[in-house]
Amino acid sequence: MDPTLIQRLKALSSAEDFLDFFGVPYEPRIVQVNRLHILKRFYQYLHKTPGLSNLDEIEMFRRYRELLVQAYADFVASTPAKEKVFKVFQDADGRQSVPVSALLDSLAQRRPMAA
């Protein structure tokens, strides 16, 4: 019995593996810089798309390929900072602020108590 599409996908590990498997042409320099972002966006698209599990293998392959093409295209035309796939980019455009008082409180807690 041939493995299912999902079983075959579980054997893939890199963005290049996924792009090659689905026959998506890509620029290596774009993938090298954005591989995790592309895979995360692909995952997000898969989870936002209803009814994928109800498709037959051929239609599922076609639909997954479309979503991967879309995820890759997001980073051809944009940047990780603009796409905000990961939380670090979602929080204040990748910048987080910590009040000085919080730093001072943290330092005070770490200092050994004077005997």
PDB file of N, CA and C in Angstrom:
ATOM      1  N   MET A   1       0.845  -1.182   0.000  1.00  0.00           N
ATOM      2  CA  MET A   1       0.000   0.000   0.000  1.00  0.00           C
ATOM      3  C   MET A   1       0.894   1.249   0.000  1.00  0.00           C
ATOM      4  N   ASP A   2       0.593   2.174  -0.857  1.00  0.00           N
ATOM      5  CA  ASP A   2       1.348   3.421  -0.933  1.00  0.00           C
ATOM      6  C   ASP A   2       1.030   4.291   0.272  1.00  0.00           C
ATOM      7  N   PRO A   3       2.054   5.025   0.738  1.00  0.00           N
ATOM      8  CA  PRO A   3       1.791   5.933   1.857  1.00  0.00           C
ATOM      9  C   PRO A   3       0.855   7.071   1.437  1.00  0.00           C
ATOM     10  N   THR A   4       0.092   7.560   2.389  1.00  0.00           N
ATOM     11  CA  THR A   4      -0.818   8.673   2.109  1.00  0.00           C
ATOM     12  C   THR A   4      -0.012   9.961   1.980  1.00  0.00           C
ATOM     13  N   LEU A   5      -0.657  10.984   1.483  1.00  0.00           N
ATOM     14  CA  LEU A   5      -0.010  12.281   1.354  1.00  0.00           C
ATOM     15  C   LEU A   5       0.481  12.763   2.709  1.00  0.00           C
ATOM     16  N   ILE A   6      -0.344  12.652   3.721  1.00  0.00           N
ATOM     17  CA  ILE A   6       0.033  13.118   5.067  1.00  0.00           C
ATOM     18  C   ILE A   6       1.245  12.347   5.576  1.00  0.00           C
ATOM     19  N   GLN A   7       1.290  11.040   5.358  1.00  0.00           N
ATOM     20  CA  GLN A   7       2.441  10.242   5.780  1.00  0.00           C
ATOM     21  C   GLN A   7       3.703  10.689   5.051  1.00  0.00           C
ATOM     22  N   ARG A   8       3.583  10.990   3.780  1.00  0.00           N
ATOM     23  CA  ARG A   8       4.733  11.449   3.001  1.00  0.00           C
ATOM     24  C   ARG A   8       5.201  12.823   3.480  1.00  0.00           C
ATOM     25  N   LEU A   9       4.266  13.679   3.851  1.00  0.00           N
ATOM     26  CA  LEU A   9       4.635  15.009   4.333  1.00  0.00           C
ATOM     27  C   LEU A   9       5.379  14.935   5.668  1.00  0.00           C
ATOM     28  N   LYS A  10       5.026  13.972   6.493  1.00  0.00           N
ATOM     29  CA  LYS A  10       5.684  13.821   7.793  1.00  0.00           C
ATOM     30  C   LYS A  10       7.170  13.508   7.645  1.00  0.00           C
ATOM     31  N   ALA A  11       7.568  12.966   6.514  1.00  0.00           N
ATOM     32  CA  ALA A  11       8.973  12.633   6.278  1.00  0.00           C
ATOM     33  C   ALA A  11       9.793  13.843   5.834  1.00  0.00           C
ATOM     34  N   LEU A  12       9.123  14.942   5.496  1.00  0.00           N
ATOM     35  CA  LEU A  12       9.823  16.142   5.033  1.00  0.00           C
ATOM     36  C   LEU A  12      10.252  16.975   6.233  1.00  0.00           C
ATOM     37  N   SER A  13      11.413  17.635   6.115  1.00  0.00           N
ATOM     38  CA  SER A  13      11.877  18.391   7.268  1.00  0.00           C
ATOM     39  C   SER A  13      12.237  19.845   6.979  1.00  0.00           C
ATOM     40  N   SER A  14      12.568  20.185   5.764  1.00  0.00           N
ATOM     41  CA  SER A  14      12.984  21.562   5.487  1.00  0.00           C
ATOM     42  C   SER A  14      12.028  22.228   4.509  1.00  0.00           C
ATOM     43  N   ALA A  15      12.113  23.530   4.447  1.00  0.00           N
ATOM     44  CA  ALA A  15      11.296  24.271   3.478  1.00  0.00           C
ATOM     45  C   ALA A  15      11.623  23.807   2.064  1.00  0.00           C
ATOM     46  N   GLU A  16      12.899  23.574   1.808  1.00  0.00           N
ATOM     47  CA  GLU A  16      13.303  23.089   0.490  1.00  0.00           C
ATOM     48  C   GLU A  16      12.667  21.737   0.189  1.00  0.00           C
ATOM     49  N   ASP A  17      12.598  20.849   1.195  1.00  0.00           N
ATOM     50  CA  ASP A  17      11.951  19.540   1.011  1.00  0.00           C
ATOM     51  C   ASP A  17      10.499  19.717   0.586  1.00  0.00           C
ATOM     52  N   PHE A  18       9.787  20.608   1.264  1.00  0.00           N
ATOM     53  CA  PHE A  18       8.377  20.838   0.941  1.00  0.00           C
ATOM     54  C   PHE A  18       8.222  21.436  -0.450  1.00  0.00           C
ATOM     55  N   LEU A  19       9.019  22.437  -0.753  1.00  0.00           N
ATOM     56  CA  LEU A  19       8.935  23.086  -2.065  1.00  0.00           C
ATOM     57  C   LEU A  19       9.267  22.096  -3.182  1.00  0.00           C
ATOM     58  N   ASP A  20      10.294  21.274  -2.988  1.00  0.00           N
ATOM     59  CA  ASP A  20      10.650  20.260  -3.982  1.00  0.00           C
ATOM     60  C   ASP A  20       9.547  19.216  -4.129  1.00  0.00           C
ATOM     61  N   PHE A  21       9.017  18.750  -3.008  1.00  0.00           N
ATOM     62  CA  PHE A  21       7.969  17.730  -3.028  1.00  0.00           C
ATOM     63  C   PHE A  21       6.759  18.194  -3.840  1.00  0.00           C
ATOM     64  N   PHE A  22       6.371  19.451  -3.636  1.00  0.00           N
ATOM     65  CA  PHE A  22       5.199  19.980  -4.322  1.00  0.00           C
ATOM     66  C   PHE A  22       5.536  20.583  -5.691  1.00  0.00           C
ATOM     67  N   GLY A  23       6.810  20.532  -6.076  1.00  0.00           N
ATOM     68  CA  GLY A  23       7.203  21.041  -7.378  1.00  0.00           C
ATOM     69  C   GLY A  23       7.059  22.549  -7.507  1.00  0.00           C
ATOM     70  N   VAL A  24       7.329  23.257  -6.427  1.00  0.00           N
ATOM     71  CA  VAL A  24       7.226  24.724  -6.426  1.00  0.00           C
ATOM     72  C   VAL A  24       8.600  25.302  -6.747  1.00  0.00           C
ATOM     73  N   PRO A  25       8.709  26.041  -7.844  1.00  0.00           N
ATOM     74  CA  PRO A  25      10.000  26.676  -8.142  1.00  0.00           C
ATOM     75  C   PRO A  25      10.297  27.766  -7.108  1.00  0.00           C
ATOM     76  N   TYR A  26      11.570  27.893  -6.733  1.00  0.00           N
ATOM     77  CA  TYR A  26      11.922  28.872  -5.713  1.00  0.00           C
ATOM     78  C   TYR A  26      13.349  29.364  -5.898  1.00  0.00           C
ATOM     79  N   GLU A  27      13.605  30.531  -5.338  1.00  0.00           N
ATOM     80  CA  GLU A  27      14.944  31.109  -5.303  1.00  0.00           C
ATOM     81  C   GLU A  27      15.603  30.665  -4.002  1.00  0.00           C
ATOM     82  N   PRO A  28      16.706  29.933  -4.071  1.00  0.00           N
ATOM     83  CA  PRO A  28      17.365  29.464  -2.847  1.00  0.00           C
ATOM     84  C   PRO A  28      17.686  30.584  -1.861  1.00  0.00           C
ATOM     85  N   ARG A  29      18.096  31.758  -2.345  1.00  0.00           N
ATOM     86  CA  ARG A  29      18.463  32.854  -1.437  1.00  0.00           C
ATOM     87  C   ARG A  29      17.251  33.330  -0.630  1.00  0.00           C
ATOM     88  N   ILE A  30      16.059  33.280  -1.215  1.00  0.00           N
ATOM     89  CA  ILE A  30      14.845  33.692  -0.493  1.00  0.00           C
ATOM     90  C   ILE A  30      14.504  32.653   0.576  1.00  0.00           C
ATOM     91  N   VAL A  31      14.624  31.396   0.203  1.00  0.00           N
ATOM     92  CA  VAL A  31      14.297  30.325   1.152  1.00  0.00           C
ATOM     93  C   VAL A  31      15.313  30.272   2.286  1.00  0.00           C
ATOM     94  N   GLN A  32      16.597  30.486   1.982  1.00  0.00           N
ATOM     95  CA  GLN A  32      17.627  30.442   3.024  1.00  0.00           C
ATOM     96  C   GLN A  32      17.364  31.455   4.135  1.00  0.00           C
ATOM     97  N   VAL A  33      16.866  32.607   3.766  1.00  0.00           N
ATOM     98  CA  VAL A  33      16.621  33.665   4.747  1.00  0.00           C
ATOM     99  C   VAL A  33      15.268  33.502   5.442  1.00  0.00           C
ATOM    100  N   ASN A  34      14.301  32.891   4.757  1.00  0.00           N
ATOM    101  CA  ASN A  34      12.918  32.873   5.244  1.00  0.00           C
ATOM    102  C   ASN A  34      12.347  31.478   5.491  1.00  0.00           C
ATOM    103  N   ARG A  35      13.165  30.459   5.537  1.00  0.00           N
ATOM    104  CA  ARG A  35      12.646  29.075   5.578  1.00  0.00           C
ATOM    105  C   ARG A  35      11.661  28.840   6.718  1.00  0.00           C
ATOM    106  N   LEU A  36      11.982  29.264   7.923  1.00  0.00           N
ATOM    107  CA  LEU A  36      11.064  29.026   9.039  1.00  0.00           C
ATOM    108  C   LEU A  36       9.782  29.834   8.899  1.00  0.00           C
ATOM    109  N   HIS A  37       9.905  31.030   8.373  1.00  0.00           N
ATOM    110  CA  HIS A  37       8.741  31.885   8.168  1.00  0.00           C
ATOM    111  C   HIS A  37       7.807  31.270   7.119  1.00  0.00           C
ATOM    112  N   ILE A  38       8.381  30.738   6.062  1.00  0.00           N
ATOM    113  CA  ILE A  38       7.575  30.110   5.003  1.00  0.00           C
ATOM    114  C   ILE A  38       6.829  28.903   5.556  1.00  0.00           C
ATOM    115  N   LEU A  39       7.532  28.050   6.290  1.00  0.00           N
ATOM    116  CA  LEU A  39       6.877  26.855   6.845  1.00  0.00           C
ATOM    117  C   LEU A  39       5.803  27.224   7.862  1.00  0.00           C
ATOM    118  N   LYS A  40       6.083  28.209   8.691  1.00  0.00           N
ATOM    119  CA  LYS A  40       5.085  28.646   9.682  1.00  0.00           C
ATOM    120  C   LYS A  40       3.852  29.219   8.980  1.00  0.00           C
ATOM    121  N   ARG A  41       4.058  30.034   7.966  1.00  0.00           N
ATOM    122  CA  ARG A  41       2.924  30.611   7.225  1.00  0.00           C
ATOM    123  C   ARG A  41       2.137  29.501   6.532  1.00  0.00           C
ATOM    124  N   PHE A  42       2.816  28.529   5.954  1.00  0.00           N
ATOM    125  CA  PHE A  42       2.160  27.384   5.324  1.00  0.00           C
ATOM    126  C   PHE A  42       1.288  26.663   6.348  1.00  0.00           C
ATOM    127  N   TYR A  43       1.831  26.425   7.520  1.00  0.00           N
ATOM    128  CA  TYR A  43       1.093  25.788   8.611  1.00  0.00           C
ATOM    129  C   TYR A  43      -0.147  26.620   8.976  1.00  0.00           C
ATOM    130  N   GLN A  44       0.027  27.939   9.063  1.00  0.00           N
ATOM    131  CA  GLN A  44      -1.106  28.815   9.381  1.00  0.00           C
ATOM    132  C   GLN A  44      -2.186  28.710   8.305  1.00  0.00           C
ATOM    133  N   TYR A  45      -1.781  28.727   7.054  1.00  0.00           N
ATOM    134  CA  TYR A  45      -2.747  28.612   5.958  1.00  0.00           C
ATOM    135  C   TYR A  45      -3.478  27.271   6.012  1.00  0.00           C
ATOM    136  N   LEU A  46      -2.761  26.194   6.306  1.00  0.00           N
ATOM    137  CA  LEU A  46      -3.392  24.871   6.400  1.00  0.00           C
ATOM    138  C   LEU A  46      -4.455  24.858   7.486  1.00  0.00           C
ATOM    139  N   HIS A  47      -4.147  25.477   8.620  1.00  0.00           N
ATOM    140  CA  HIS A  47      -5.093  25.459   9.740  1.00  0.00           C
ATOM    141  C   HIS A  47      -6.261  26.416   9.562  1.00  0.00           C
ATOM    142  N   LYS A  48      -6.112  27.400   8.692  1.00  0.00           N
ATOM    143  CA  LYS A  48      -7.212  28.334   8.436  1.00  0.00           C
ATOM    144  C   LYS A  48      -8.135  27.855   7.321  1.00  0.00           C
ATOM    145  N   THR A  49      -7.710  26.841   6.577  1.00  0.00           N
ATOM    146  CA  THR A  49      -8.471  26.387   5.413  1.00  0.00           C
ATOM    147  C   THR A  49      -9.384  25.233   5.801  1.00  0.00           C
ATOM    148  N   PRO A  50     -10.691  25.452   5.745  1.00  0.00           N
ATOM    149  CA  PRO A  50     -11.622  24.388   6.138  1.00  0.00           C
ATOM    150  C   PRO A  50     -11.731  23.292   5.068  1.00  0.00           C
ATOM    151  N   GLY A  51     -12.039  22.106   5.517  1.00  0.00           N
ATOM    152  CA  GLY A  51     -12.374  21.016   4.615  1.00  0.00           C
ATOM    153  C   GLY A  51     -11.217  20.292   3.961  1.00  0.00           C
ATOM    154  N   LEU A  52      -9.991  20.573   4.325  1.00  0.00           N
ATOM    155  CA  LEU A  52      -8.853  19.908   3.683  1.00  0.00           C
ATOM    156  C   LEU A  52      -8.867  18.401   3.918  1.00  0.00           C
ATOM    157  N   SER A  53      -9.255  17.992   5.098  1.00  0.00           N
ATOM    158  CA  SER A  53      -9.242  16.560   5.416  1.00  0.00           C
ATOM    159  C   SER A  53     -10.318  15.783   4.665  1.00  0.00           C
ATOM    160  N   ASN A  54     -11.286  16.482   4.096  1.00  0.00           N
ATOM    161  CA  ASN A  54     -12.353  15.812   3.360  1.00  0.00           C
ATOM    162  C   ASN A  54     -12.029  15.610   1.881  1.00  0.00           C
ATOM    163  N   LEU A  55     -10.883  16.124   1.436  1.00  0.00           N
ATOM    164  CA  LEU A  55     -10.512  16.040   0.029  1.00  0.00           C
ATOM    165  C   LEU A  55      -9.862  14.699  -0.283  1.00  0.00           C
ATOM    166  N   ASP A  56      -9.976  14.280  -1.549  1.00  0.00           N
ATOM    167  CA  ASP A  56      -9.234  13.085  -1.955  1.00  0.00           C
ATOM    168  C   ASP A  56      -7.763  13.456  -2.088  1.00  0.00           C
ATOM    169  N   GLU A  57      -6.893  12.464  -2.224  1.00  0.00           N
ATOM    170  CA  GLU A  57      -5.451  12.689  -2.224  1.00  0.00           C
ATOM    171  C   GLU A  57      -4.996  13.671  -3.309  1.00  0.00           C
ATOM    172  N   ILE A  58      -5.537  13.558  -4.482  1.00  0.00           N
ATOM    173  CA  ILE A  58      -5.128  14.422  -5.595  1.00  0.00           C
ATOM    174  C   ILE A  58      -5.539  15.865  -5.334  1.00  0.00           C
ATOM    175  N   GLU A  59      -6.767  16.058  -4.915  1.00  0.00           N
ATOM    176  CA  GLU A  59      -7.245  17.412  -4.633  1.00  0.00           C
ATOM    177  C   GLU A  59      -6.534  17.990  -3.411  1.00  0.00           C
ATOM    178  N   MET A  60      -6.250  17.152  -2.423  1.00  0.00           N
ATOM    179  CA  MET A  60      -5.525  17.611  -1.238  1.00  0.00           C
ATOM    180  C   MET A  60      -4.121  18.075  -1.638  1.00  0.00           C
ATOM    181  N   PHE A  61      -3.448  17.295  -2.472  1.00  0.00           N
ATOM    182  CA  PHE A  61      -2.114  17.675  -2.953  1.00  0.00           C
ATOM    183  C   PHE A  61      -2.188  19.021  -3.667  1.00  0.00           C
ATOM    184  N   ARG A  62      -3.151  19.184  -4.550  1.00  0.00           N
ATOM    185  CA  ARG A  62      -3.314  20.424  -5.304  1.00  0.00           C
ATOM    186  C   ARG A  62      -3.529  21.612  -4.371  1.00  0.00           C
ATOM    187  N   ARG A  63      -4.389  21.429  -3.381  1.00  0.00           N
ATOM    188  CA  ARG A  63      -4.720  22.519  -2.457  1.00  0.00           C
ATOM    189  C   ARG A  63      -3.530  22.853  -1.543  1.00  0.00           C
ATOM    190  N   TYR A  64      -2.859  21.828  -1.040  1.00  0.00           N
ATOM    191  CA  TYR A  64      -1.666  22.059  -0.215  1.00  0.00           C
ATOM    192  C   TYR A  64      -0.609  22.809  -1.022  1.00  0.00           C
ATOM    193  N   ARG A  65      -0.429  22.427  -2.269  1.00  0.00           N
ATOM    194  CA  ARG A  65       0.539  23.094  -3.131  1.00  0.00           C
ATOM    195  C   ARG A  65       0.189  24.567  -3.295  1.00  0.00           C
ATOM    196  N   GLU A  66      -1.082  24.862  -3.522  1.00  0.00           N
ATOM    197  CA  GLU A  66      -1.514  26.258  -3.657  1.00  0.00           C
ATOM    198  C   GLU A  66      -1.185  27.057  -2.395  1.00  0.00           C
ATOM    199  N   LEU A  67      -1.415  26.463  -1.245  1.00  0.00           N
ATOM    200  CA  LEU A  67      -1.147  27.156   0.013  1.00  0.00           C
ATOM    201  C   LEU A  67       0.354  27.367   0.241  1.00  0.00           C
ATOM    202  N   LEU A  68       1.166  26.389  -0.172  1.00  0.00           N
ATOM    203  CA  LEU A  68       2.610  26.537  -0.056  1.00  0.00           C
ATOM    204  C   LEU A  68       3.114  27.620  -1.010  1.00  0.00           C
ATOM    205  N   VAL A  69       2.588  27.644  -2.213  1.00  0.00           N
ATOM    206  CA  VAL A  69       2.955  28.702  -3.170  1.00  0.00           C
ATOM    207  C   VAL A  69       2.613  30.069  -2.581  1.00  0.00           C
ATOM    208  N   GLN A  70       1.457  30.169  -1.977  1.00  0.00           N
ATOM    209  CA  GLN A  70       1.028  31.427  -1.361  1.00  0.00           C
ATOM    210  C   GLN A  70       1.968  31.816  -0.213  1.00  0.00           C
ATOM    211  N   ALA A  71       2.330  30.849   0.625  1.00  0.00           N
ATOM    212  CA  ALA A  71       3.231  31.124   1.751  1.00  0.00           C
ATOM    213  C   ALA A  71       4.595  31.583   1.240  1.00  0.00           C
ATOM    214  N   TYR A  72       5.124  30.920   0.237  1.00  0.00           N
ATOM    215  CA  TYR A  72       6.411  31.315  -0.336  1.00  0.00           C
ATOM    216  C   TYR A  72       6.316  32.715  -0.942  1.00  0.00           C
ATOM    217  N   ALA A  73       5.253  32.970  -1.686  1.00  0.00           N
ATOM    218  CA  ALA A  73       5.073  34.268  -2.343  1.00  0.00           C
ATOM    219  C   ALA A  73       5.001  35.414  -1.329  1.00  0.00           C
ATOM    220  N   ASP A  74       4.464  35.140  -0.161  1.00  0.00           N
ATOM    221  CA  ASP A  74       4.399  36.173   0.881  1.00  0.00           C
ATOM    222  C   ASP A  74       5.790  36.734   1.188  1.00  0.00           C
ATOM    223  N   PHE A  75       6.807  35.880   1.130  1.00  0.00           N
ATOM    224  CA  PHE A  75       8.157  36.307   1.497  1.00  0.00           C
ATOM    225  C   PHE A  75       9.008  36.693   0.296  1.00  0.00           C
ATOM    226  N   VAL A  76       8.506  36.466  -0.889  1.00  0.00           N
ATOM    227  CA  VAL A  76       9.151  36.994  -2.089  1.00  0.00           C
ATOM    228  C   VAL A  76       8.833  38.485  -2.173  1.00  0.00           C
ATOM    229  N   ALA A  77       7.605  38.827  -1.845  1.00  0.00           N
ATOM    230  CA  ALA A  77       7.127  40.201  -1.977  1.00  0.00           C
ATOM    231  C   ALA A  77       7.261  41.019  -0.698  1.00  0.00           C
ATOM    232  N   SER A  78       7.647  40.389   0.407  1.00  0.00           N
ATOM    233  CA  SER A  78       7.658  41.099   1.678  1.00  0.00           C
ATOM    234  C   SER A  78       8.822  40.627   2.535  1.00  0.00           C
ATOM    235  N   THR A  79       8.807  41.019   3.795  1.00  0.00           N
ATOM    236  CA  THR A  79       9.867  40.628   4.738  1.00  0.00           C
ATOM    237  C   THR A  79       9.234  39.980   5.974  1.00  0.00           C
ATOM    238  N   PRO A  80      10.033  39.224   6.724  1.00  0.00           N
ATOM    239  CA  PRO A  80       9.502  38.637   7.956  1.00  0.00           C
ATOM    240  C   PRO A  80       8.951  39.687   8.921  1.00  0.00           C
ATOM    241  N   ALA A  81       9.621  40.824   9.009  1.00  0.00           N
ATOM    242  CA  ALA A  81       9.153  41.874   9.923  1.00  0.00           C
ATOM    243  C   ALA A  81       7.789  42.408   9.503  1.00  0.00           C
ATOM    244  N   LYS A  82       7.547  42.509   8.212  1.00  0.00           N
ATOM    245  CA  LYS A  82       6.255  43.004   7.737  1.00  0.00           C
ATOM    246  C   LYS A  82       5.164  41.939   7.839  1.00  0.00           C
ATOM    247  N   GLU A  83       5.530  40.685   7.600  1.00  0.00           N
ATOM    248  CA  GLU A  83       4.548  39.596   7.626  1.00  0.00           C
ATOM    249  C   GLU A  83       4.153  39.191   9.041  1.00  0.00           C
ATOM    250  N   LYS A  84       5.052  39.391   9.995  1.00  0.00           N
ATOM    251  CA  LYS A  84       4.781  39.137  11.411  1.00  0.00           C
ATOM    252  C   LYS A  84       4.243  37.729  11.699  1.00  0.00           C
ATOM    253  N   VAL A  85       4.932  36.731  11.173  1.00  0.00           N
ATOM    254  CA  VAL A  85       4.520  35.351  11.389  1.00  0.00           C
ATOM    255  C   VAL A  85       4.799  34.915  12.827  1.00  0.00           C
ATOM    256  N   PHE A  86       5.955  35.313  13.344  1.00  0.00           N
ATOM    257  CA  PHE A  86       6.339  34.906  14.690  1.00  0.00           C
ATOM    258  C   PHE A  86       6.038  36.007  15.699  1.00  0.00           C
ATOM    259  N   LYS A  87       5.827  35.606  16.923  1.00  0.00           N
ATOM    260  CA  LYS A  87       5.419  36.522  17.989  1.00  0.00           C
ATOM    261  C   LYS A  87       6.372  37.696  18.174  1.00  0.00           C
ATOM    262  N   VAL A  88       7.654  37.455  18.037  1.00  0.00           N
ATOM    263  CA  VAL A  88       8.616  38.536  18.225  1.00  0.00           C
ATOM    264  C   VAL A  88       8.345  39.699  17.267  1.00  0.00           C
ATOM    265  N   PHE A  89       7.841  39.411  16.083  1.00  0.00           N
ATOM    266  CA  PHE A  89       7.517  40.460  15.130  1.00  0.00           C
ATOM    267  C   PHE A  89       6.126  41.047  15.372  1.00  0.00           C
ATOM    268  N   GLN A  90       5.287  40.299  16.057  1.00  0.00           N
ATOM    269  CA  GLN A  90       3.930  40.771  16.338  1.00  0.00           C
ATOM    270  C   GLN A  90       3.925  41.775  17.485  1.00  0.00           C
ATOM    271  N   ASP A  91       4.839  41.602  18.423  1.00  0.00           N
ATOM    272  CA  ASP A  91       4.918  42.475  19.598  1.00  0.00           C
ATOM    273  C   ASP A  91       5.641  43.770  19.239  1.00  0.00           C
ATOM    274  N   ALA A  92       4.894  44.817  19.097  1.00  0.00           N
ATOM    275  CA  ALA A  92       5.452  46.158  18.878  1.00  0.00           C
ATOM    276  C   ALA A  92       6.498  46.175  17.782  1.00  0.00           C
ATOM    277  N   ASP A  93       6.150  45.580  16.649  1.00  0.00           N
ATOM    278  CA  ASP A  93       7.059  45.552  15.504  1.00  0.00           C
ATOM    279  C   ASP A  93       8.427  44.978  15.852  1.00  0.00           C
ATOM    280  N   GLY A  94       8.435  43.972  16.712  1.00  0.00           N
ATOM    281  CA  GLY A  94       9.685  43.317  17.068  1.00  0.00           C
ATOM    282  C   GLY A  94      10.445  44.011  18.188  1.00  0.00           C
ATOM    283  N   ARG A  95       9.914  45.097  18.676  1.00  0.00           N
ATOM    284  CA  ARG A  95      10.556  45.818  19.775  1.00  0.00           C
ATOM    285  C   ARG A  95       9.728  45.629  21.031  1.00  0.00           C
ATOM    286  N   GLN A  96      10.393  45.320  22.087  1.00  0.00           N
ATOM    287  CA  GLN A  96       9.716  45.205  23.364  1.00  0.00           C
ATOM    288  C   GLN A  96      10.353  46.201  24.322  1.00  0.00           C
ATOM    289  N   SER A  97       9.543  46.775  25.171  1.00  0.00           N
ATOM    290  CA  SER A  97      10.089  47.720  26.140  1.00  0.00           C
ATOM    291  C   SER A  97       9.925  47.146  27.534  1.00  0.00           C
ATOM    292  N   VAL A  98      10.929  47.414  28.332  1.00  0.00           N
ATOM    293  CA  VAL A  98      10.915  46.983  29.724  1.00  0.00           C
ATOM    294  C   VAL A  98      11.157  48.230  30.556  1.00  0.00           C
ATOM    295  N   PRO A  99      10.251  48.530  31.475  1.00  0.00           N
ATOM    296  CA  PRO A  99      10.461  49.717  32.305  1.00  0.00           C
ATOM    297  C   PRO A  99      11.722  49.575  33.161  1.00  0.00           C
ATOM    298  N   VAL A 100      12.407  50.675  33.373  1.00  0.00           N
ATOM    299  CA  VAL A 100      13.617  50.683  34.201  1.00  0.00           C
ATOM    300  C   VAL A 100      13.304  50.166  35.599  1.00  0.00           C
ATOM    301  N   SER A 101      12.141  50.489  36.106  1.00  0.00           N
ATOM    302  CA  SER A 101      11.771  50.033  37.447  1.00  0.00           C
ATOM    303  C   SER A 101      11.731  48.503  37.517  1.00  0.00           C
ATOM    304  N   ALA A 102      11.303  47.861  36.455  1.00  0.00           N
ATOM    305  CA  ALA A 102      11.272  46.397  36.432  1.00  0.00           C
ATOM    306  C   ALA A 102      12.686  45.831  36.447  1.00  0.00           C
ATOM    307  N   LEU A 103      13.595  46.489  35.739  1.00  0.00           N
ATOM    308  CA  LEU A 103      14.990  46.048  35.759  1.00  0.00           C
ATOM    309  C   LEU A 103      15.598  46.209  37.152  1.00  0.00           C
ATOM    310  N   LEU A 104      15.319  47.346  37.778  1.00  0.00           N
ATOM    311  CA  LEU A 104      15.845  47.580  39.123  1.00  0.00           C
ATOM    312  C   LEU A 104      15.281  46.571  40.121  1.00  0.00           C
ATOM    313  N   ASP A 105      13.993  46.277  40.015  1.00  0.00           N
ATOM    314  CA  ASP A 105      13.373  45.280  40.902  1.00  0.00           C
ATOM    315  C   ASP A 105      14.006  43.910  40.694  1.00  0.00           C
ATOM    316  N   SER A 106      14.273  43.577  39.461  1.00  0.00           N
ATOM    317  CA  SER A 106      14.883  42.288  39.147  1.00  0.00           C
ATOM    318  C   SER A 106      16.296  42.198  39.722  1.00  0.00           C
ATOM    319  N   LEU A 107      17.051  43.277  39.589  1.00  0.00           N
ATOM    320  CA  LEU A 107      18.405  43.314  40.161  1.00  0.00           C
ATOM    321  C   LEU A 107      18.357  43.169  41.668  1.00  0.00           C
ATOM    322  N   ALA A 108      17.434  43.870  42.312  1.00  0.00           N
ATOM    323  CA  ALA A 108      17.319  43.825  43.770  1.00  0.00           C
ATOM    324  C   ALA A 108      17.008  42.404  44.246  1.00  0.00           C
ATOM    325  N   GLN A 109      16.215  41.678  43.492  1.00  0.00           N
ATOM    326  CA  GLN A 109      15.847  40.310  43.873  1.00  0.00           C
ATOM    327  C   GLN A 109      17.026  39.348  43.714  1.00  0.00           C
ATOM    328  N   ARG A 110      17.941  39.658  42.806  1.00  0.00           N
ATOM    329  CA  ARG A 110      19.067  38.768  42.525  1.00  0.00           C
ATOM    330  C   ARG A 110      20.260  39.003  43.450  1.00  0.00           C
ATOM    331  N   ARG A 111      20.337  40.175  44.059  1.00  0.00           N
ATOM    332  CA  ARG A 111      21.457  40.485  44.956  1.00  0.00           C
ATOM    333  C   ARG A 111      21.315  39.668  46.234  1.00  0.00           C
ATOM    334  N   PRO A 112      22.438  39.141  46.697  1.00  0.00           N
ATOM    335  CA  PRO A 112      22.372  38.407  47.977  1.00  0.00           C
ATOM    336  C   PRO A 112      22.086  39.371  49.125  1.00  0.00           C
ATOM    337  N   MET A 113      21.338  38.903  50.059  1.00  0.00           N
ATOM    338  CA  MET A 113      20.973  39.714  51.220  1.00  0.00           C
ATOM    339  C   MET A 113      22.251  39.958  52.054  1.00  0.00           C
ATOM    340  N   ALA A 114      22.417  41.187  52.516  1.00  0.00           N
ATOM    341  CA  ALA A 114      23.579  41.513  53.365  1.00  0.00           C
ATOM    342  C   ALA A 114      23.372  40.868  54.736  1.00  0.00           C
ATOM    343  N   ALA A 115      24.438  40.272  55.258  1.00  0.00           N
ATOM    344  CA  ALA A 115      24.348  39.565  56.548  1.00  0.00           C
ATOM    345  C   ALA A 115      24.498  40.463  57.723  1.00  0.00           C
TER     346      ALA A 115
END
